[in-house]
Full PDB file with SEQRES, HELIX, SHEET, SSBOND, CRYST1, ORIGX, SCALE, CONECT and MASTER records, all heavy atoms in Angstrom:
SEQRES   1 A   31  GLU ILE ALA ARG ASP ILE LEU GLN ASP ALA ILE GLY GLU          
SEQRES   2 A   31  ALA TYR TYR LYS LEU ASP THR ASP LYS TYR SER ASP ASP          
SEQRES   3 A   31  GLU GLN ASP LEU ILE                                          
HELIX    1 AA1 ILE A    2  GLU A   13  1                                  12    
HELIX    2 AA2 ALA A   14  LYS A   17  5                                   4    
HELIX    3 AA3 ASP A   25  LEU A   30  1                                   6    
CRYST1    1.000    1.000    1.000  90.00  90.00  90.00 P 1           1          
ORIGX1      1.000000  0.000000  0.000000        0.00000                         
ORIGX2      0.000000  1.000000  0.000000        0.00000                         
ORIGX3      0.000000  0.000000  1.000000        0.00000                         
SCALE1      1.000000  0.000000  0.000000        0.00000                         
SCALE2      0.000000  1.000000  0.000000        0.00000                         
SCALE3      0.000000  0.000000  1.000000        0.00000                         
ATOM      1  N   GLU A   1      88.966 106.172  88.662  1.00  0.00           N  
ATOM      2  CA  GLU A   1      88.106 105.714  89.756  1.00  0.00           C  
ATOM      3  C   GLU A   1      88.102 104.192  89.862  1.00  0.00           C  
ATOM      4  O   GLU A   1      88.151 103.640  90.966  1.00  0.00           O  
ATOM      5  CB  GLU A   1      86.679 106.239  89.570  1.00  0.00           C  
ATOM      6  CG  GLU A   1      86.510 107.679  89.945  1.00  0.00           C  
ATOM      7  CD  GLU A   1      86.858 107.953  91.403  1.00  0.00           C  
ATOM      8  OE1 GLU A   1      86.362 107.245  92.299  1.00  0.00           O  
ATOM      9  OE2 GLU A   1      87.637 108.881  91.639  1.00  0.00           O  
ATOM     10  N   ILE A   2      88.051 103.515  88.737  1.00  0.00           N  
ATOM     11  CA  ILE A   2      88.084 102.048  88.752  1.00  0.00           C  
ATOM     12  C   ILE A   2      89.411 101.565  89.309  1.00  0.00           C  
ATOM     13  O   ILE A   2      89.453 100.646  90.141  1.00  0.00           O  
ATOM     14  CB  ILE A   2      87.841 101.485  87.334  1.00  0.00           C  
ATOM     15  CG1 ILE A   2      86.400 101.780  86.908  1.00  0.00           C  
ATOM     16  CG2 ILE A   2      88.136  99.990  87.279  1.00  0.00           C  
ATOM     17  CD1 ILE A   2      86.117 101.512  85.436  1.00  0.00           C  
ATOM     18  N   ALA A   3      90.506 102.186  88.906  1.00  0.00           N  
ATOM     19  CA  ALA A   3      91.829 101.814  89.422  1.00  0.00           C  
ATOM     20  C   ALA A   3      91.896 102.037  90.926  1.00  0.00           C  
ATOM     21  O   ALA A   3      92.417 101.194  91.664  1.00  0.00           O  
ATOM     22  CB  ALA A   3      92.914 102.623  88.714  1.00  0.00           C  
ATOM     23  N   ARG A   4      91.349 103.140  91.397  1.00  0.00           N  
ATOM     24  CA  ARG A   4      91.334 103.414  92.844  1.00  0.00           C  
ATOM     25  C   ARG A   4      90.502 102.382  93.589  1.00  0.00           C  
ATOM     26  O   ARG A   4      90.870 101.946  94.675  1.00  0.00           O  
ATOM     27  CB  ARG A   4      90.800 104.817  93.099  1.00  0.00           C  
ATOM     28  CG  ARG A   4      91.782 105.895  92.737  1.00  0.00           C  
ATOM     29  CD  ARG A   4      91.203 107.265  92.964  1.00  0.00           C  
ATOM     30  NE  ARG A   4      92.217 108.281  92.766  1.00  0.00           N  
ATOM     31  CZ  ARG A   4      91.976 109.574  92.795  1.00  0.00           C  
ATOM     32  NH1 ARG A   4      90.749 110.026  93.014  1.00  0.00           N  
ATOM     33  NH2 ARG A   4      92.954 110.437  92.614  1.00  0.00           N  
ATOM     34  N   ASP A   5      89.369 101.990  93.030  1.00  0.00           N  
ATOM     35  CA  ASP A   5      88.527 100.964  93.650  1.00  0.00           C  
ATOM     36  C   ASP A   5      89.292  99.642  93.780  1.00  0.00           C  
ATOM     37  O   ASP A   5      89.239  98.989  94.821  1.00  0.00           O  
ATOM     38  CB  ASP A   5      87.257 100.731  92.831  1.00  0.00           C  
ATOM     39  CG  ASP A   5      86.285 101.891  92.914  1.00  0.00           C  
ATOM     40  OD1 ASP A   5      86.404 102.727  93.834  1.00  0.00           O  
ATOM     41  OD2 ASP A   5      85.390 101.951  92.039  1.00  0.00           O  
ATOM     42  N   ILE A   6      89.986  99.269  92.728  1.00  0.00           N  
ATOM     43  CA  ILE A   6      90.751  98.017  92.735  1.00  0.00           C  
ATOM     44  C   ILE A   6      91.846  98.072  93.788  1.00  0.00           C  
ATOM     45  O   ILE A   6      92.039  97.116  94.556  1.00  0.00           O  
ATOM     46  CB  ILE A   6      91.332  97.730  91.337  1.00  0.00           C  
ATOM     47  CG1 ILE A   6      90.194  97.406  90.360  1.00  0.00           C  
ATOM     48  CG2 ILE A   6      92.347  96.587  91.385  1.00  0.00           C  
ATOM     49  CD1 ILE A   6      90.621  97.389  88.899  1.00  0.00           C  
ATOM     50  N   LEU A   7      92.556  99.179  93.847  1.00  0.00           N  
ATOM     51  CA  LEU A   7      93.623  99.331  94.842  1.00  0.00           C  
ATOM     52  C   LEU A   7      93.073  99.324  96.258  1.00  0.00           C  
ATOM     53  O   LEU A   7      93.648  98.707  97.156  1.00  0.00           O  
ATOM     54  CB  LEU A   7      94.413 100.613  94.586  1.00  0.00           C  
ATOM     55  CG  LEU A   7      95.324 100.583  93.370  1.00  0.00           C  
ATOM     56  CD1 LEU A   7      95.869 101.973  93.083  1.00  0.00           C  
ATOM     57  CD2 LEU A   7      96.459  99.595  93.580  1.00  0.00           C  
ATOM     58  N   GLN A   8      91.950  99.987  96.468  1.00  0.00           N  
ATOM     59  CA  GLN A   8      91.341 100.011  97.798  1.00  0.00           C  
ATOM     60  C   GLN A   8      90.966  98.593  98.236  1.00  0.00           C  
ATOM     61  O   GLN A   8      91.205  98.209  99.381  1.00  0.00           O  
ATOM     62  CB  GLN A   8      90.117 100.922  97.816  1.00  0.00           C  
ATOM     63  CG  GLN A   8      89.497 101.042  99.200  1.00  0.00           C  
ATOM     64  CD  GLN A   8      88.282 101.947  99.204  1.00  0.00           C  
ATOM     65  OE1 GLN A   8      87.674 102.202  98.171  1.00  0.00           O  
ATOM     66  NE2 GLN A   8      87.919 102.414 100.374  1.00  0.00           N  
ATOM     67  N   ASP A   9      90.413  97.808  97.344  1.00  0.00           N  
ATOM     68  CA  ASP A   9      90.063  96.425  97.657  1.00  0.00           C  
ATOM     69  C   ASP A   9      91.313  95.610  97.998  1.00  0.00           C  
ATOM     70  O   ASP A   9      91.316  94.833  98.954  1.00  0.00           O  
ATOM     71  CB  ASP A   9      89.328  95.766  96.492  1.00  0.00           C  
ATOM     72  CG  ASP A   9      87.907  96.272  96.334  1.00  0.00           C  
ATOM     73  OD1 ASP A   9      87.380  96.905  97.285  1.00  0.00           O  
ATOM     74  OD2 ASP A   9      87.320  96.043  95.267  1.00  0.00           O  
ATOM     75  N   ALA A  10      92.357  95.772  97.218  1.00  0.00           N  
ATOM     76  CA  ALA A  10      93.593  95.016  97.450  1.00  0.00           C  
ATOM     77  C   ALA A  10      94.214  95.374  98.801  1.00  0.00           C  
ATOM     78  O   ALA A  10      94.681  94.492  99.529  1.00  0.00           O  
ATOM     79  CB  ALA A  10      94.587  95.280  96.325  1.00  0.00           C  
ATOM     80  N   ILE A  11      94.194  96.644  99.137  1.00  0.00           N  
ATOM     81  CA  ILE A  11      94.734  97.077 100.423  1.00  0.00           C  
ATOM     82  C   ILE A  11      93.902  96.494 101.562  1.00  0.00           C  
ATOM     83  O   ILE A  11      94.438  96.025 102.565  1.00  0.00           O  
ATOM     84  CB  ILE A  11      94.788  98.617 100.497  1.00  0.00           C  
ATOM     85  CG1 ILE A  11      95.826  99.147  99.507  1.00  0.00           C  
ATOM     86  CG2 ILE A  11      95.101  99.085 101.911  1.00  0.00           C  
ATOM     87  CD1 ILE A  11      95.735 100.651  99.257  1.00  0.00           C  
ATOM     88  N   GLY A  12      92.589  96.488 101.402  1.00  0.00           N  
ATOM     89  CA  GLY A  12      91.699  95.955 102.435  1.00  0.00           C  
ATOM     90  C   GLY A  12      91.859  94.463 102.654  1.00  0.00           C  
ATOM     91  O   GLY A  12      91.631  93.953 103.748  1.00  0.00           O  
ATOM     92  N   GLU A  13      92.282  93.740 101.639  1.00  0.00           N  
ATOM     93  CA  GLU A  13      92.436  92.288 101.738  1.00  0.00           C  
ATOM     94  C   GLU A  13      93.863  91.867 102.105  1.00  0.00           C  
ATOM     95  O   GLU A  13      94.115  90.683 102.338  1.00  0.00           O  
ATOM     96  CB  GLU A  13      92.054  91.645 100.407  1.00  0.00           C  
ATOM     97  CG  GLU A  13      90.580  91.815 100.089  1.00  0.00           C  
ATOM     98  CD  GLU A  13      90.227  91.386  98.684  1.00  0.00           C  
ATOM     99  OE1 GLU A  13      91.133  91.013  97.918  1.00  0.00           O  
ATOM    100  OE2 GLU A  13      89.035  91.439  98.345  1.00  0.00           O  
ATOM    101  N   ALA A  14      94.788  92.790 102.180  1.00  0.00           N  
ATOM    102  CA  ALA A  14      96.204  92.469 102.423  1.00  0.00           C  
ATOM    103  C   ALA A  14      96.404  91.710 103.735  1.00  0.00           C  
ATOM    104  O   ALA A  14      97.207  90.778 103.801  1.00  0.00           O  
ATOM    105  CB  ALA A  14      97.042  93.742 102.421  1.00  0.00           C  
ATOM    106  N   TYR A  15      95.665  92.076 104.754  1.00  0.00           N  
ATOM    107  CA  TYR A  15      95.790  91.435 106.073  1.00  0.00           C  
ATOM    108  C   TYR A  15      95.580  89.922 105.983  1.00  0.00           C  
ATOM    109  O   TYR A  15      96.249  89.145 106.643  1.00  0.00           O  
ATOM    110  CB  TYR A  15      94.776  92.067 107.027  1.00  0.00           C  
ATOM    111  CG  TYR A  15      94.626  91.354 108.334  1.00  0.00           C  
ATOM    112  CD1 TYR A  15      95.517  91.576 109.371  1.00  0.00           C  
ATOM    113  CD2 TYR A  15      93.586  90.454 108.549  1.00  0.00           C  
ATOM    114  CE1 TYR A  15      95.377  90.927 110.588  1.00  0.00           C  
ATOM    115  CE2 TYR A  15      93.433  89.803 109.753  1.00  0.00           C  
ATOM    116  CZ  TYR A  15      94.339  90.042 110.775  1.00  0.00           C  
ATOM    117  OH  TYR A  15      94.213  89.391 111.964  1.00  0.00           O  
ATOM    118  N   TYR A  16      94.664  89.505 105.132  1.00  0.00           N  
ATOM    119  CA  TYR A  16      94.310  88.092 105.033  1.00  0.00           C  
ATOM    120  C   TYR A  16      95.325  87.265 104.248  1.00  0.00           C  
ATOM    121  O   TYR A  16      95.246  86.050 104.226  1.00  0.00           O  
ATOM    122  CB  TYR A  16      92.917  87.939 104.422  1.00  0.00           C  
ATOM    123  CG  TYR A  16      91.877  88.586 105.294  1.00  0.00           C  
ATOM    124  CD1 TYR A  16      91.336  89.823 104.966  1.00  0.00           C  
ATOM    125  CD2 TYR A  16      91.472  87.986 106.484  1.00  0.00           C  
ATOM    126  CE1 TYR A  16      90.396  90.434 105.784  1.00  0.00           C  
ATOM    127  CE2 TYR A  16      90.541  88.587 107.309  1.00  0.00           C  
ATOM    128  CZ  TYR A  16      90.007  89.805 106.955  1.00  0.00           C  
ATOM    129  OH  TYR A  16      89.090  90.404 107.770  1.00  0.00           O  
ATOM    130  N   LYS A  17      96.280  87.921 103.644  1.00  0.00           N  
ATOM    131  CA  LYS A  17      97.313  87.214 102.892  1.00  0.00           C  
ATOM    132  C   LYS A  17      98.494  86.821 103.779  1.00  0.00           C  
ATOM    133  O   LYS A  17      99.408  86.152 103.335  1.00  0.00           O  
ATOM    134  CB  LYS A  17      97.782  88.061 101.723  1.00  0.00           C  
ATOM    135  CG  LYS A  17      96.657  88.297 100.724  1.00  0.00           C  
ATOM    136  CD  LYS A  17      97.151  88.975  99.486  1.00  0.00           C  
ATOM    137  CE  LYS A  17      96.014  89.289  98.556  1.00  0.00           C  
ATOM    138  NZ  LYS A  17      95.504  88.167  97.828  1.00  0.00           N  
ATOM    139  N   LEU A  18      98.460  87.213 105.030  1.00  0.00           N  
ATOM    140  CA  LEU A  18      99.523  86.889 105.976  1.00  0.00           C  
ATOM    141  C   LEU A  18      99.478  85.395 106.309  1.00  0.00           C  
ATOM    142  O   LEU A  18      98.463  84.883 106.767  1.00  0.00           O  
ATOM    143  CB  LEU A  18      99.372  87.730 107.242  1.00  0.00           C  
ATOM    144  CG  LEU A  18     100.383  87.500 108.347  1.00  0.00           C  
ATOM    145  CD1 LEU A  18     101.800  87.801 107.853  1.00  0.00           C  
ATOM    146  CD2 LEU A  18     100.057  88.366 109.543  1.00  0.00           C  
ATOM    147  N   ASP A  19     100.566  84.709 106.066  1.00  0.00           N  
ATOM    148  CA  ASP A  19     100.679  83.275 106.344  1.00  0.00           C  
ATOM    149  C   ASP A  19     100.959  83.089 107.834  1.00  0.00           C  
ATOM    150  O   ASP A  19     102.097  83.204 108.283  1.00  0.00           O  
ATOM    151  CB  ASP A  19     101.800  82.666 105.501  1.00  0.00           C  
ATOM    152  CG  ASP A  19     101.902  81.163 105.651  1.00  0.00           C  
ATOM    153  OD1 ASP A  19     101.155  80.581 106.465  1.00  0.00           O  
ATOM    154  OD2 ASP A  19     102.739  80.569 104.948  1.00  0.00           O  
ATOM    155  N   THR A  20      99.906  82.802 108.608  1.00  0.00           N  
ATOM    156  CA  THR A  20     100.036  82.731 110.064  1.00  0.00           C  
ATOM    157  C   THR A  20     100.852  81.528 110.527  1.00  0.00           C  
ATOM    158  O   THR A  20     101.373  81.530 111.638  1.00  0.00           O  
ATOM    159  CB  THR A  20      98.656  82.703 110.741  1.00  0.00           C  
ATOM    160  OG1 THR A  20      97.897  81.618 110.212  1.00  0.00           O  
ATOM    161  CG2 THR A  20      97.925  84.016 110.506  1.00  0.00           C  
ATOM    162  N   ASP A  21     100.974  80.520 109.698  1.00  0.00           N  
ATOM    163  CA  ASP A  21     101.771  79.350 110.070  1.00  0.00           C  
ATOM    164  C   ASP A  21     103.270  79.621 109.933  1.00  0.00           C  
ATOM    165  O   ASP A  21     104.085  78.930 110.531  1.00  0.00           O  
ATOM    166  CB  ASP A  21     101.409  78.146 109.192  1.00  0.00           C  
ATOM    167  CG  ASP A  21      99.983  77.678 109.431  1.00  0.00           C  
ATOM    168  OD1 ASP A  21      99.471  77.867 110.553  1.00  0.00           O  
ATOM    169  OD2 ASP A  21      99.377  77.136 108.489  1.00  0.00           O  
ATOM    170  N   LYS A  22     103.598  80.619 109.181  1.00  0.00           N  
ATOM    171  CA  LYS A  22     104.999  80.911 108.873  1.00  0.00           C  
ATOM    172  C   LYS A  22     105.661  81.814 109.920  1.00  0.00           C  
ATOM    173  O   LYS A  22     106.871  81.803 110.065  1.00  0.00           O  
ATOM    174  CB  LYS A  22     105.073  81.574 107.494  1.00  0.00           C  
ATOM    175  CG  LYS A  22     106.449  81.750 106.949  1.00  0.00           C  
ATOM    176  CD  LYS A  22     106.389  82.287 105.533  1.00  0.00           C  
ATOM    177  CE  LYS A  22     107.765  82.490 104.955  1.00  0.00           C  
ATOM    178  NZ  LYS A  22     107.729  82.998 103.585  1.00  0.00           N  
ATOM    179  N   TYR A  23     104.852  82.595 110.658  1.00  0.00           N  
ATOM    180  CA  TYR A  23     105.396  83.587 111.582  1.00  0.00           C  
ATOM    181  C   TYR A  23     104.865  83.371 113.000  1.00  0.00           C  
ATOM    182  O   TYR A  23     103.739  82.933 113.192  1.00  0.00           O  
ATOM    183  CB  TYR A  23     105.022  84.998 111.120  1.00  0.00           C  
ATOM    184  CG  TYR A  23     105.470  85.293 109.712  1.00  0.00           C  
ATOM    185  CD1 TYR A  23     104.567  85.266 108.649  1.00  0.00           C  
ATOM    186  CD2 TYR A  23     106.788  85.582 109.438  1.00  0.00           C  
ATOM    187  CE1 TYR A  23     104.986  85.525 107.355  1.00  0.00           C  
ATOM    188  CE2 TYR A  23     107.216  85.847 108.146  1.00  0.00           C  
ATOM    189  CZ  TYR A  23     106.307  85.810 107.110  1.00  0.00           C  
ATOM    190  OH  TYR A  23     106.718  86.061 105.826  1.00  0.00           O  
ATOM    191  N   SER A  24     105.689  83.731 113.964  1.00  0.00           N  
ATOM    192  CA  SER A  24     105.262  83.647 115.367  1.00  0.00           C  
ATOM    193  C   SER A  24     104.220  84.732 115.636  1.00  0.00           C  
ATOM    194  O   SER A  24     104.025  85.643 114.817  1.00  0.00           O  
ATOM    195  CB  SER A  24     106.463  83.858 116.293  1.00  0.00           C  
ATOM    196  OG  SER A  24     106.903  85.208 116.224  1.00  0.00           O  
ATOM    197  N   ASP A  25     103.567  84.654 116.784  1.00  0.00           N  
ATOM    198  CA  ASP A  25     102.560  85.659 117.133  1.00  0.00           C  
ATOM    199  C   ASP A  25     103.171  87.057 117.192  1.00  0.00           C  
ATOM    200  O   ASP A  25     102.567  88.022 116.738  1.00  0.00           O  
ATOM    201  CB  ASP A  25     101.900  85.321 118.473  1.00  0.00           C  
ATOM    202  CG  ASP A  25     100.954  84.132 118.380  1.00  0.00           C  
ATOM    203  OD1 ASP A  25     100.568  83.761 117.245  1.00  0.00           O  
ATOM    204  OD2 ASP A  25     100.606  83.578 119.435  1.00  0.00           O  
ATOM    205  N   ASP A  26     104.363  87.161 117.780  1.00  0.00           N  
ATOM    206  CA  ASP A  26     105.029  88.466 117.858  1.00  0.00           C  
ATOM    207  C   ASP A  26     105.373  88.995 116.471  1.00  0.00           C  
ATOM    208  O   ASP A  26     105.205  90.190 116.187  1.00  0.00           O  
ATOM    209  CB  ASP A  26     106.304  88.381 118.701  1.00  0.00           C  
ATOM    210  CG  ASP A  26     106.015  88.195 120.185  1.00  0.00           C  
ATOM    211  OD1 ASP A  26     104.891  88.520 120.621  1.00  0.00           O  
ATOM    212  OD2 ASP A  26     106.918  87.733 120.900  1.00  0.00           O  
ATOM    213  N   GLU A  27     105.835  88.126 115.596  1.00  0.00           N  
ATOM    214  CA  GLU A  27     106.165  88.536 114.227  1.00  0.00           C  
ATOM    215  C   GLU A  27     104.900  88.967 113.483  1.00  0.00           C  
ATOM    216  O   GLU A  27     104.915  89.969 112.761  1.00  0.00           O  
ATOM    217  CB  GLU A  27     106.858  87.400 113.476  1.00  0.00           C  
ATOM    218  CG  GLU A  27     108.258  87.106 113.975  1.00  0.00           C  
ATOM    219  CD  GLU A  27     108.849  85.841 113.377  1.00  0.00           C  
ATOM    220  OE1 GLU A  27     108.091  84.887 113.089  1.00  0.00           O  
ATOM    221  OE2 GLU A  27     110.075  85.811 113.209  1.00  0.00           O  
ATOM    222  N   GLN A  28     103.830  88.226 113.688  1.00  0.00           N  
ATOM    223  CA  GLN A  28     102.557  88.580 113.047  1.00  0.00           C  
ATOM    224  C   GLN A  28     102.080  89.952 113.513  1.00  0.00           C  
ATOM    225  O   GLN A  28     101.631  90.766 112.699  1.00  0.00           O  
ATOM    226  CB  GLN A  28     101.491  87.540 113.366  1.00  0.00           C  
ATOM    227  CG  GLN A  28     101.701  86.220 112.679  1.00  0.00           C  
ATOM    228  CD  GLN A  28     100.642  85.222 113.068  1.00  0.00           C  
ATOM    229  OE1 GLN A  28      99.448  85.531 113.016  1.00  0.00           O  
ATOM    230  NE2 GLN A  28     101.056  84.032 113.462  1.00  0.00           N  
ATOM    231  N   ASP A  29     102.180  90.199 114.817  1.00  0.00           N  
ATOM    232  CA  ASP A  29     101.766  91.500 115.348  1.00  0.00           C  
ATOM    233  C   ASP A  29     102.568  92.631 114.726  1.00  0.00           C  
ATOM    234  O   ASP A  29     102.018  93.675 114.375  1.00  0.00           O  
ATOM    235  CB  ASP A  29     101.923  91.537 116.872  1.00  0.00           C  
ATOM    236  CG  ASP A  29     100.921  90.652 117.589  1.00  0.00           C  
ATOM    237  OD1 ASP A  29      99.905  90.261 116.969  1.00  0.00           O  
ATOM    238  OD2 ASP A  29     101.160  90.349 118.776  1.00  0.00           O  
ATOM    239  N   LEU A  30     103.868  92.433 114.580  1.00  0.00           N  
ATOM    240  CA  LEU A  30     104.726  93.446 113.987  1.00  0.00           C  
ATOM    241  C   LEU A  30     104.380  93.667 112.511  1.00  0.00           C  
ATOM    242  O   LEU A  30     104.274  94.811 112.049  1.00  0.00           O  
ATOM    243  CB  LEU A  30     106.196  93.048 114.134  1.00  0.00           C  
ATOM    244  CG  LEU A  30     107.232  94.062 113.674  1.00  0.00           C  
ATOM    245  CD1 LEU A  30     107.084  95.378 114.433  1.00  0.00           C  
ATOM    246  CD2 LEU A  30     108.624  93.492 113.853  1.00  0.00           C  
ATOM    247  N   ILE A  31     104.163  92.585 111.790  1.00  0.00           N  
ATOM    248  CA  ILE A  31     103.801  92.682 110.373  1.00  0.00           C  
ATOM    249  C   ILE A  31     102.459  93.399 110.223  1.00  0.00           C  
ATOM    250  O   ILE A  31     102.311  94.278 109.369  1.00  0.00           O  
ATOM    251  CB  ILE A  31     103.764  91.288 109.714  1.00  0.00           C  
ATOM    252  CG1 ILE A  31     105.180  90.702 109.655  1.00  0.00           C  
ATOM    253  CG2 ILE A  31     103.143  91.356 108.321  1.00  0.00           C  
ATOM    254  CD1 ILE A  31     105.225  89.228 109.301  1.00  0.00           C  
TER     255      ILE A  31                                                      
MASTER        0    0    0    3    0    0    0    6  254    1    0    3          
END                                                                             
């Protein structure tokens, strides 16, 4: 259960790890 909680948190935060300066808007949308 603890491992699942950790994974769920990591998945939920993945969106915020996207480097928006590195990719165009279209690339960001696709990612």
